[in-house]
Amino acid sequence: MIFSFKKLISNFGLVFIFVLLCVSANAAGTDSSSENYMDTYKEAKKIIARAEKMEKKEKTIKANQLYSKAFEKLQEAHKSDRNNPDILNYLGFTLRKIGKYDEAEKFYIAGLKIKPDHNGINEYLGELYVQTNRIKLAEERLAVLKNCNCEEYQELKKIIQNK
């Protein structure tokens, strides 16, 4: 009986150590993935830059493919940081670029709830409003940017005036 008891304790110890190692490895994996979301975000921004180049060359199909790919990367980053207005801004941006205006607007609005004075979101949401023929709402976004002394204000103002 004593021998069995010692064996039981020994086996329990091995199982306990194994469980600790598994939990430790899983926790390390979680930490690294949450740290890597910014790398994923940066990758998405690089893809967006390539898409914009394709768009300027009027290679619309390739640009849309790249915007879609960037959107997927941004979704990955968004899973790790749901309250990052920059990620929400680019989620909206990529969707707007491929013509999914309703979905894009939701991401922009979510970003503004976190940071109402976000220059990029205000500009891009204003552009979406111009694209969807809601000029009054675009002018509201412009009013938010009025005192920022920023490029976003000038860009949106120009887009509204050219409509």
Protein backbone atom coordinates (compact mmCIF):
# COMPACT_ATOMS: atom_id res chain seq x y z
CA MET A 1 0.00 0.00 0.00
CA ILE A 2 2.83 2.42 0.84
CA PHE A 3 4.53 1.72 -2.47
CA SER A 4 1.32 2.45 -4.41
CA PHE A 5 0.81 5.63 -2.45
CA LYS A 6 4.34 6.85 -3.30
CA LYS A 7 3.76 5.95 -6.95
CA LEU A 8 0.48 7.85 -6.92
CA ILE A 9 2.16 10.94 -5.44
CA SER A 10 5.00 10.65 -7.95
CA ASN A 11 2.58 10.40 -10.88
CA PHE A 12 0.54 13.29 -9.53
CA GLY A 13 3.73 15.37 -9.36
CA LEU A 14 4.54 14.59 -12.98
CA VAL A 15 1.01 15.46 -14.09
CA PHE A 16 1.15 18.70 -12.06
CA ILE A 17 4.44 19.71 -13.69
CA PHE A 18 3.04 18.87 -17.14
CA VAL A 19 -0.04 21.01 -16.53
CA LEU A 20 2.12 23.91 -15.33
CA LEU A 21 4.26 23.68 -18.45
CA CYS A 22 1.18 23.66 -20.70
CA VAL A 23 -0.36 26.64 -18.95
CA SER A 24 2.96 28.48 -19.06
CA ALA A 25 3.44 27.79 -22.79
CA ASN A 26 -0.12 28.86 -23.55
CA ALA A 27 0.30 32.09 -21.59
CA ALA A 28 3.54 32.85 -23.42
CA GLY A 29 1.79 32.31 -26.75
CA THR A 30 -1.00 34.66 -25.75
CA ASP A 31 1.44 37.37 -24.73
CA SER A 32 3.40 37.19 -27.96
CA SER A 33 0.28 37.31 -30.11
CA SER A 34 -1.04 40.35 -28.26
CA GLU A 35 2.32 42.04 -28.68
CA ASN A 36 2.39 41.20 -32.38
CA TYR A 37 -0.90 42.89 -33.21
CA MET A 38 0.97 46.14 -33.85
CA ASP A 39 3.19 44.31 -36.33
CA THR A 40 0.03 43.11 -38.07
CA TYR A 41 -1.30 46.69 -38.06
CA LYS A 42 1.96 47.95 -39.59
CA GLU A 43 1.81 45.23 -42.27
CA ALA A 44 -1.72 46.36 -43.12
CA LYS A 45 -0.55 49.97 -43.50
CA LYS A 46 2.16 48.84 -45.93
CA ILE A 47 -0.43 46.94 -47.95
CA ILE A 48 -2.64 50.04 -47.98
CA ALA A 49 0.26 52.11 -49.32
CA ARG A 50 0.70 49.58 -52.15
CA ALA A 51 -3.04 49.67 -52.84
CA GLU A 52 -2.98 53.46 -53.08
CA LYS A 53 -0.16 53.24 -55.63
CA MET A 54 -2.20 50.78 -57.67
CA GLU A 55 -5.21 53.08 -57.41
CA LYS A 56 -3.19 56.03 -58.75
CA LYS A 57 -2.10 53.85 -61.68
CA GLU A 58 -5.82 53.10 -62.25
CA LYS A 59 -5.26 49.41 -61.50
CA THR A 60 -8.53 49.21 -59.62
CA ILE A 61 -8.86 45.43 -59.40
CA LYS A 62 -5.38 45.03 -57.91
CA ALA A 63 -5.96 47.98 -55.56
CA ASN A 64 -9.22 46.44 -54.32
CA GLN A 65 -7.51 43.10 -53.74
CA LEU A 66 -4.85 44.83 -51.67
CA TYR A 67 -7.42 46.83 -49.70
CA SER A 68 -9.24 43.58 -48.94
CA LYS A 69 -6.01 41.94 -47.83
CA ALA A 70 -5.22 44.93 -45.60
CA PHE A 71 -8.72 44.72 -44.13
CA GLU A 72 -8.09 41.09 -43.13
CA LYS A 73 -4.85 42.06 -41.39
CA LEU A 74 -6.59 44.92 -39.62
CA GLN A 75 -9.30 42.56 -38.39
CA GLU A 76 -6.57 40.41 -36.82
CA ALA A 77 -5.11 43.46 -35.07
CA HIS A 78 -8.58 44.58 -34.00
CA LYS A 79 -9.12 41.26 -32.19
CA SER A 80 -6.21 42.15 -29.89
CA ASP A 81 -7.07 45.83 -29.44
CA ARG A 82 -10.74 46.70 -29.81
CA ASN A 83 -10.27 50.28 -28.58
CA ASN A 84 -7.59 51.51 -30.96
CA PRO A 85 -9.02 54.38 -33.04
CA ASP A 86 -6.22 54.08 -35.61
CA ILE A 87 -7.13 50.45 -36.33
CA LEU A 88 -10.82 51.39 -36.53
CA ASN A 89 -9.93 54.24 -38.88
CA TYR A 90 -8.10 51.96 -41.29
CA LEU A 91 -10.81 49.29 -41.07
CA GLY A 92 -13.24 51.96 -42.23
CA PHE A 93 -10.79 53.28 -44.82
CA THR A 94 -10.21 49.90 -46.49
CA LEU A 95 -13.93 49.15 -46.60
CA ARG A 96 -14.72 52.58 -48.02
CA LYS A 97 -12.11 52.10 -50.71
CA ILE A 98 -13.79 48.90 -51.90
CA GLY A 99 -17.23 50.50 -51.82
CA LYS A 100 -18.64 49.04 -48.60
CA TYR A 101 -19.81 52.38 -47.26
CA ASP A 102 -22.28 51.21 -44.61
CA GLU A 103 -19.72 48.90 -42.99
CA ALA A 104 -17.00 51.54 -43.25
CA GLU A 105 -19.18 54.12 -41.55
CA LYS A 106 -19.69 51.80 -38.57
CA PHE A 107 -15.95 51.53 -37.99
CA TYR A 108 -15.46 55.30 -38.33
CA ILE A 109 -18.27 55.96 -35.84
CA ALA A 110 -16.80 53.43 -33.40
CA GLY A 111 -13.44 55.18 -33.66
CA LEU A 112 -14.99 58.59 -33.02
CA LYS A 113 -16.66 57.25 -29.88
CA ILE A 114 -13.17 56.52 -28.57
CA LYS A 115 -11.49 59.65 -29.91
CA PRO A 116 -13.94 62.29 -31.22
CA ASP A 117 -11.17 64.62 -32.43
CA HIS A 118 -9.25 61.97 -34.44
CA ASN A 119 -8.13 63.88 -37.54
CA GLY A 120 -7.94 60.87 -39.86
CA ILE A 121 -11.33 59.48 -38.93
CA ASN A 122 -13.00 62.87 -39.26
CA GLU A 123 -11.46 63.41 -42.69
CA TYR A 124 -12.22 59.94 -44.02
CA LEU A 125 -15.75 59.91 -42.60
CA GLY A 126 -16.25 63.30 -44.27
CA GLU A 127 -15.04 61.81 -47.55
CA LEU A 128 -17.46 58.92 -47.13
CA TYR A 129 -20.28 61.41 -46.59
CA VAL A 130 -19.31 63.23 -49.79
CA GLN A 131 -19.17 59.92 -51.68
CA THR A 132 -22.65 59.05 -50.41
CA ASN A 133 -24.01 62.51 -51.17
CA ARG A 134 -24.46 63.62 -47.56
CA ILE A 135 -22.71 66.98 -47.83
CA LYS A 136 -24.16 68.46 -44.61
CA LEU A 137 -22.66 65.61 -42.61
CA ALA A 138 -19.33 66.06 -44.43
CA GLU A 139 -19.40 69.73 -43.47
CA GLU A 140 -19.91 68.70 -39.83
CA ARG A 141 -16.72 66.61 -40.02
CA LEU A 142 -14.95 69.59 -41.58
CA ALA A 143 -16.11 71.80 -38.70
CA VAL A 144 -14.53 69.36 -36.23
CA LEU A 145 -11.21 69.69 -38.10
CA LYS A 146 -11.42 73.48 -38.54
CA ASN A 147 -9.00 74.43 -35.76
CA CYS A 148 -6.56 71.55 -36.14
CA ASN A 149 -4.28 73.39 -38.58
CA CYS A 150 -3.82 70.05 -40.31
CA GLU A 151 -3.63 68.51 -43.76
CA GLU A 152 -6.84 66.55 -43.12
CA TYR A 153 -8.83 69.79 -42.91
CA GLN A 154 -7.45 71.05 -46.23
CA GLU A 155 -8.04 67.71 -47.97
CA LEU A 156 -11.65 67.42 -46.83
CA LYS A 157 -12.37 71.07 -47.60
CA LYS A 158 -11.09 70.59 -51.14
CA ILE A 159 -13.17 67.43 -51.64
CA ILE A 160 -16.33 69.16 -50.39
CA GLN A 161 -15.73 72.20 -52.62
CA ASN A 162 -15.22 69.99 -55.67
CA LYS A 163 -18.49 68.14 -55.15
